[in-house]
Amino acid sequence: MNKTGYFTHADCWKHEMGTGHPECPERLDAIEKQLMMSGLAEVLDRREAPLAAIGDIELAHDRMLVAAIRGLSDQLADDMMAGGPSHAQIDPDTSLNLHTWTAALRAAGAAIAATDSVMAGEMANAFCAVRPPGHHAEHGKAMGFCFFNNIAIAAKYALERHGLKRVAIVDFDVHHGNGTEAIVKGDGRILMVSFFQHPLFPYSGADTAAPNMVNLPVPAYTTGMEVRELIDMMWMPRLEAFRPEMIFISAGFDAHQDDELGQMRLNEQDFAWITGRIMQVAVRHAKGRIVSALEGGYNLGALGRSVEAHLRELAGARDSS
């Protein structure tokens, strides 16, 4: 039986945005520690994330954005040689260091390589433990901790390079995946379903009219059971009718009740349930093909436990304790 793939790379630890920033390298440490402690690491097919090809990134992004980020990275290196600052600012929350360019290429490369491996039948499904995250990155704009939109790139890649006709993107995160929506809205080959706290950064998604979007804006303090009911009522009929040939997950875990960047009330069991529901659609319509990539999740303990729950479902290795 094919295993669940687990894509990551040491370069993803080297990107950092300054002391005290919530999107920090320790997030990956927390995931690795939880997987080792739980024994789940032993059942995963661990792979090194390659560097994404620029041409593949440009399936979802304007080439001027790609050139600008690379140019900013090169300029930062020159400035540091002259005693300048160690970071270049994109927006008040987002900056790059000397390693960000390479880390961003690894993050997108993980999603692409996972797509190739799942499509080839080498693995049943895959999770990308990568950073920087991606779902706020728009076609021509980096923002909100994100530089390249890893899942949007992978979804476009599956359509353009593998010839699939229909793919779905599932975005569960406390924040709206504005970048993914901006890239895929109006593309009838892609159905995107999401939930997110509203109002909350980036203050978008509540009034989307695009026919291929199913957005579920929910108020602060929404519980996991309420989210489950909405998913069954709003996501599932659309996913079943769409019959995706592959499913891509923007897996954010900051809707957890212990996470301070939002005020939603989900727990690990809710993330496991959501993953299970997505898998049911994938088994029926997509030969089980799922590629998931890390987005948010900033309480380190909750993040590690939630990723474990997500991966247990993907790997069919539910905890019997």
Protein backbone atom coordinates (compact mmCIF):
# COMPACT_ATOMS: atom_id res chain seq x y z
CA MET A 1 0.00 0.00 0.00
CA ASN A 2 1.37 3.43 -0.94
CA LYS A 3 2.31 5.67 1.94
CA THR A 4 1.50 9.30 2.59
CA GLY A 5 4.28 11.55 1.35
CA TYR A 6 5.89 14.15 3.61
CA PHE A 7 7.81 16.88 1.80
CA THR A 8 10.06 19.36 3.57
CA HIS A 9 13.57 20.83 3.36
CA ALA A 10 16.14 22.36 5.71
CA ASP A 11 16.01 25.58 3.67
CA CYS A 12 12.46 26.17 4.94
CA TRP A 13 13.88 26.67 8.44
CA LYS A 14 16.29 29.41 7.29
CA HIS A 15 13.64 31.91 6.27
CA GLU A 16 12.69 34.12 9.21
CA MET A 17 11.12 37.56 9.58
CA GLY A 18 12.60 38.78 12.85
CA THR A 19 12.50 38.07 16.57
CA GLY A 20 9.02 37.41 17.91
CA HIS A 21 7.36 37.01 14.52
CA PRO A 22 4.61 34.35 14.74
CA GLU A 23 5.51 32.80 11.35
CA CYS A 24 8.79 31.39 12.66
CA PRO A 25 11.08 28.39 11.99
CA GLU A 26 9.99 26.87 15.31
CA ARG A 27 6.67 26.02 13.67
CA LEU A 28 8.39 23.28 11.67
CA ASP A 29 10.26 22.13 14.78
CA ALA A 30 6.93 21.70 16.57
CA ILE A 31 5.56 19.56 13.75
CA GLU A 32 8.69 17.40 13.55
CA LYS A 33 8.73 16.89 17.31
CA GLN A 34 5.07 15.87 17.41
CA LEU A 35 5.48 13.40 14.55
CA MET A 36 8.51 11.82 16.21
CA MET A 37 6.86 11.60 19.64
CA SER A 38 3.69 10.08 18.20
CA GLY A 39 5.51 7.55 16.04
CA LEU A 40 3.71 8.87 12.96
CA ALA A 41 7.00 9.91 11.35
CA GLU A 42 7.78 6.22 10.80
CA VAL A 43 4.77 5.64 8.51
CA LEU A 44 5.40 8.61 6.21
CA ASP A 45 7.34 8.60 2.94
CA ARG A 46 9.73 11.47 3.66
CA ARG A 47 11.06 13.42 0.67
CA GLU A 48 13.28 16.46 0.19
CA ALA A 49 11.53 19.38 -1.51
CA PRO A 50 13.20 20.41 -4.77
CA LEU A 51 13.50 23.98 -6.01
CA ALA A 52 10.50 25.00 -8.11
CA ALA A 53 11.17 25.99 -11.70
CA ILE A 54 10.43 29.67 -12.37
CA GLY A 55 8.19 28.69 -15.28
CA ASP A 56 6.01 26.64 -12.94
CA ILE A 57 5.73 29.49 -10.42
CA GLU A 58 4.61 31.71 -13.29
CA LEU A 59 1.62 29.44 -13.88
CA ALA A 60 0.04 31.33 -10.95
CA HIS A 61 2.13 34.50 -10.67
CA ASP A 62 3.06 37.48 -12.78
CA ARG A 63 6.69 37.25 -13.91
CA MET A 64 7.22 40.80 -12.62
CA LEU A 65 6.41 39.63 -9.08
CA VAL A 66 8.88 36.76 -9.35
CA ALA A 67 11.55 39.10 -10.69
CA ALA A 68 10.82 41.68 -7.98
CA ILE A 69 11.20 39.18 -5.14
CA ARG A 70 14.43 37.84 -6.63
CA GLY A 71 15.70 41.40 -7.15
CA LEU A 72 14.83 42.35 -3.57
CA SER A 73 16.75 39.31 -2.34
CA ASP A 74 19.81 40.23 -4.43
CA GLN A 75 19.63 43.85 -3.26
CA LEU A 76 19.40 42.71 0.37
CA ALA A 77 22.59 40.67 -0.05
CA ASP A 78 24.38 43.73 -1.44
CA ASP A 79 23.06 45.97 1.33
CA MET A 80 24.14 43.52 4.03
CA MET A 81 27.65 43.43 2.59
CA ALA A 82 27.70 47.18 3.11
CA GLY A 83 26.50 46.85 6.72
CA GLY A 84 22.82 47.34 5.98
CA PRO A 85 19.75 45.70 7.58
CA SER A 86 19.23 41.91 7.64
CA HIS A 87 15.66 42.05 6.33
CA ALA A 88 13.83 43.71 3.43
CA GLN A 89 10.25 44.71 4.15
CA ILE A 90 7.36 43.71 1.85
CA ASP A 91 4.55 44.97 4.11
CA PRO A 92 4.27 45.62 7.86
CA ASP A 93 3.92 41.87 8.56
CA THR A 94 6.07 40.40 5.81
CA SER A 95 9.80 40.61 5.17
CA LEU A 96 12.51 38.53 3.58
CA ASN A 97 16.00 37.61 4.71
CA LEU A 98 18.91 36.20 2.73
CA HIS A 99 17.32 32.73 2.69
CA THR A 100 13.71 33.63 1.85
CA TRP A 101 14.06 33.34 -1.93
CA THR A 102 15.39 29.78 -1.70
CA ALA A 103 12.88 28.79 1.00
CA ALA A 104 10.01 30.09 -1.16
CA LEU A 105 11.29 28.06 -4.12
CA ARG A 106 11.44 24.96 -1.89
CA ALA A 107 7.90 25.54 -0.58
CA ALA A 108 6.46 25.79 -4.08
CA GLY A 109 8.73 22.97 -5.23
CA ALA A 110 7.37 20.71 -2.50
CA ALA A 111 3.80 21.20 -3.70
CA ILE A 112 4.82 20.56 -7.31
CA ALA A 113 6.89 17.46 -6.47
CA ALA A 114 4.07 16.14 -4.29
CA THR A 115 1.68 16.60 -7.23
CA ASP A 116 4.02 14.65 -9.51
CA SER A 117 4.45 11.83 -7.00
CA VAL A 118 0.74 11.47 -6.25
CA MET A 119 -0.15 11.63 -9.94
CA ALA A 120 2.44 8.93 -10.67
CA GLY A 121 0.94 6.69 -7.99
CA GLU A 122 4.15 6.66 -5.97
CA MET A 123 2.23 7.77 -2.88
CA ALA A 124 -1.43 7.81 -1.93
CA ASN A 125 -1.43 11.49 -0.95
CA ALA A 126 1.05 14.01 0.45
CA PHE A 127 1.61 16.79 2.98
CA CYS A 128 4.12 19.60 2.53
CA ALA A 129 5.62 20.83 5.81
CA VAL A 130 6.98 24.03 4.33
CA ARG A 131 7.34 27.72 4.93
CA PRO A 132 6.86 30.44 3.89
CA PRO A 133 3.14 29.72 3.52
CA GLY A 134 1.28 30.80 0.40
CA HIS A 135 -2.45 31.46 0.39
CA HIS A 136 -2.28 35.27 0.77
CA ALA A 137 0.10 35.67 -2.20
CA GLU A 138 -1.82 37.10 -5.15
CA HIS A 139 -1.00 36.89 -8.87
CA GLY A 140 1.15 40.02 -8.68
CA LYS A 141 1.59 40.67 -4.97
CA ALA A 142 3.36 39.09 -1.99
CA MET A 143 1.65 39.79 1.36
CA GLY A 144 0.52 38.37 4.70
CA PHE A 145 3.60 36.21 5.42
CA CYS A 146 3.35 34.76 1.86
CA PHE A 147 5.57 35.14 -1.23
CA PHE A 148 4.45 32.46 -3.72
CA ASN A 149 1.08 30.72 -3.56
CA ASN A 150 2.17 27.10 -3.18
CA ILE A 151 -1.26 25.50 -3.53
CA ALA A 152 -2.45 27.69 -6.40
CA ILE A 153 0.78 26.89 -8.25
CA ALA A 154 0.30 23.15 -7.66
CA ALA A 155 -3.35 23.28 -8.77
CA LYS A 156 -2.45 25.11 -11.98
CA TYR A 157 0.45 22.70 -12.49
CA ALA A 158 -1.88 19.68 -12.27
CA LEU A 159 -4.12 21.22 -14.91
CA GLU A 160 -1.42 22.48 -17.27
CA ARG A 161 1.33 19.86 -16.89
CA HIS A 162 -0.72 16.74 -16.08
CA GLY A 163 -3.74 17.53 -18.23
CA LEU A 164 -6.38 17.22 -15.53
CA LYS A 165 -9.75 18.79 -16.31
CA ARG A 166 -11.06 19.58 -12.82
CA VAL A 167 -9.29 20.15 -9.50
CA ALA A 168 -10.57 21.41 -6.16
CA ILE A 169 -8.83 23.63 -3.62
CA VAL A 170 -9.91 23.30 0.01
CA ASP A 171 -8.71 26.17 2.21
CA PHE A 172 -9.20 25.82 5.95
CA ASP A 173 -7.51 28.62 7.85
CA VAL A 174 -8.68 31.32 10.22
CA HIS A 175 -7.76 33.86 7.52
CA HIS A 176 -9.35 34.10 4.07
CA GLY A 177 -7.13 32.79 1.27
CA ASN A 178 -7.43 36.02 -0.69
CA GLY A 179 -4.42 35.26 -2.87
CA THR A 180 -5.70 31.87 -3.96
CA GLU A 181 -9.13 33.32 -4.66
CA ALA A 182 -7.64 36.14 -6.73
CA ILE A 183 -5.64 33.64 -8.80
CA VAL A 184 -8.38 31.05 -9.44
CA LYS A 185 -11.71 32.92 -9.36
CA GLY A 186 -13.56 32.55 -12.63
CA ASP A 187 -11.50 29.53 -13.71
CA GLY A 188 -14.15 26.85 -14.25
CA ARG A 189 -11.53 24.09 -14.00
CA ILE A 190 -11.00 24.88 -10.30
CA LEU A 191 -13.55 24.78 -7.48
CA MET A 192 -12.35 26.50 -4.30
CA VAL A 193 -14.11 25.93 -0.97
CA SER A 194 -13.08 27.65 2.24
CA PHE A 195 -14.06 28.85 5.66
CA PHE A 196 -12.49 31.70 7.61
CA GLN A 197 -13.19 34.08 10.45
CA HIS A 198 -14.77 37.34 9.32
CA PRO A 199 -14.06 40.15 9.88
CA LEU A 200 -10.33 39.43 10.20
CA PHE A 201 -7.25 40.01 8.07
CA PRO A 202 -7.24 40.31 5.07
CA TYR A 203 -10.87 41.53 5.38
CA SER A 204 -12.01 39.89 2.15
CA GLY A 205 -14.00 36.94 0.85
CA ALA A 206 -17.39 37.68 2.41
CA ASP A 207 -18.98 39.06 -0.76
CA THR A 208 -17.41 36.90 -3.47
CA ALA A 209 -19.70 36.32 -6.43
CA ALA A 210 -17.48 34.09 -8.60
CA PRO A 211 -19.35 30.85 -9.47
CA ASN A 212 -16.34 28.60 -8.71
CA MET A 213 -15.95 29.87 -5.12
CA VAL A 214 -17.70 28.53 -2.01
CA ASN A 215 -16.67 30.87 0.81
CA LEU A 216 -17.95 30.42 4.34
CA PRO A 217 -17.19 33.55 6.39
CA VAL A 218 -17.96 32.82 10.04
CA PRO A 219 -17.89 35.05 13.13
CA ALA A 220 -15.38 34.90 15.96
CA TYR A 221 -15.93 32.08 18.47
CA THR A 222 -17.47 29.74 15.89
CA THR A 223 -17.08 26.17 17.14
CA GLY A 224 -15.87 23.06 15.37
CA MET A 225 -19.34 21.53 15.38
CA GLU A 226 -20.76 24.63 13.70
CA VAL A 227 -18.05 24.47 11.05
CA ARG A 228 -18.75 20.76 10.49
CA GLU A 229 -22.43 21.50 9.87
CA LEU A 230 -21.56 24.23 7.37
CA ILE A 231 -19.14 21.96 5.53
CA ASP A 232 -21.73 19.21 5.20
CA MET A 233 -24.34 21.70 4.04
CA MET A 234 -22.28 23.98 1.77
CA TRP A 235 -18.99 22.34 0.73
CA MET A 236 -19.92 18.72 0.25
CA PRO A 237 -22.73 19.07 -2.31
CA ARG A 238 -20.58 21.35 -4.46
CA LEU A 239 -17.53 19.08 -4.24
CA GLU A 240 -19.60 16.00 -5.07
CA ALA A 241 -21.23 17.71 -8.06
CA PHE A 242 -17.88 19.04 -9.31
CA ARG A 243 -16.18 15.60 -9.18
CA PRO A 244 -12.59 16.86 -8.88
CA GLU A 245 -9.83 14.71 -10.32
CA MET A 246 -7.43 15.90 -7.60
CA ILE A 247 -7.80 17.90 -4.38
CA PHE A 248 -5.36 20.47 -3.03
CA ILE A 249 -5.53 21.58 0.60
CA SER A 250 -4.33 24.86 2.04
CA ALA A 251 -4.01 23.48 5.56
CA GLY A 252 -4.06 26.27 8.11
CA PHE A 253 -4.42 25.34 11.77
CA ASP A 254 -4.84 28.83 13.26
CA ALA A 255 -8.60 28.32 13.65
CA HIS A 256 -7.60 26.19 16.68
CA GLN A 257 -9.05 27.38 19.98
CA ASP A 258 -5.52 27.86 21.42
CA ASP A 259 -4.27 30.05 18.57
CA GLU A 260 -4.11 33.76 19.38
CA LEU A 261 -4.07 35.08 15.79
CA GLY A 262 -7.79 34.34 15.52
CA GLN A 263 -10.78 33.68 17.75
CA MET A 264 -12.25 30.49 16.34
CA ARG A 265 -12.84 27.41 18.48
CA LEU A 266 -11.71 24.34 16.52
CA ASN A 267 -9.62 21.51 17.97
CA GLU A 268 -7.53 18.63 16.61
CA GLN A 269 -10.57 16.37 16.24
CA ASP A 270 -12.23 18.96 14.01
CA PHE A 271 -9.23 19.08 11.69
CA ALA A 272 -9.21 15.28 11.55
CA TRP A 273 -12.92 15.26 10.69
CA ILE A 274 -12.49 17.86 7.94
CA THR A 275 -9.60 15.86 6.49
CA GLY A 276 -11.71 12.71 6.54
CA ARG A 277 -14.56 14.39 4.68
CA ILE A 278 -12.17 15.67 2.01
CA MET A 279 -10.71 12.17 1.66
CA GLN A 280 -14.17 10.73 1.05
CA VAL A 281 -14.59 13.04 -1.95
CA ALA A 282 -11.08 12.22 -3.16
CA VAL A 283 -11.72 8.47 -2.98
CA ARG A 284 -15.00 8.77 -4.88
CA HIS A 285 -13.85 11.08 -7.64
CA ALA A 286 -10.05 11.61 -7.60
CA LYS A 287 -8.53 8.16 -7.03
CA GLY A 288 -7.72 9.39 -3.52
CA ARG A 289 -5.32 12.04 -4.86
CA ILE A 290 -4.70 14.82 -2.33
CA VAL A 291 -1.81 17.26 -1.90
CA SER A 292 -1.87 19.35 1.27
CA ALA A 293 0.45 22.22 2.21
CA LEU A 294 0.94 24.03 5.50
CA GLU A 295 -0.52 27.51 5.83
CA GLY A 296 -1.25 29.08 9.25
CA GLY A 297 -0.99 27.79 12.82
CA TYR A 298 1.00 29.74 15.38
CA ASN A 299 0.44 28.14 18.77
CA LEU A 300 3.26 25.62 18.55
CA GLY A 301 1.67 22.88 20.65
CA ALA A 302 -1.70 23.14 18.93
CA LEU A 303 0.01 23.24 15.53
CA GLY A 304 1.97 20.05 16.15
CA ARG A 305 -1.09 18.17 17.43
CA SER A 306 -3.31 19.44 14.62
CA VAL A 307 -0.86 18.48 11.87
CA GLU A 308 -0.56 15.05 13.49
CA ALA A 309 -4.37 14.68 13.38
CA HIS A 310 -4.44 15.80 9.74
CA LEU A 311 -1.68 13.37 8.79
CA ARG A 312 -3.19 10.46 10.72
CA GLU A 313 -6.29 10.77 8.54
CA LEU A 314 -4.30 11.10 5.33
CA ALA A 315 -2.15 8.09 6.25
CA GLY A 316 -5.03 5.98 7.58
CA ALA A 317 -3.13 5.68 10.86
CA ARG A 318 -5.74 6.79 13.35
CA ASP A 319 -4.68 6.75 16.99
CA SER A 320 -6.28 3.82 18.79
CA SER A 321 -5.52 5.16 22.27
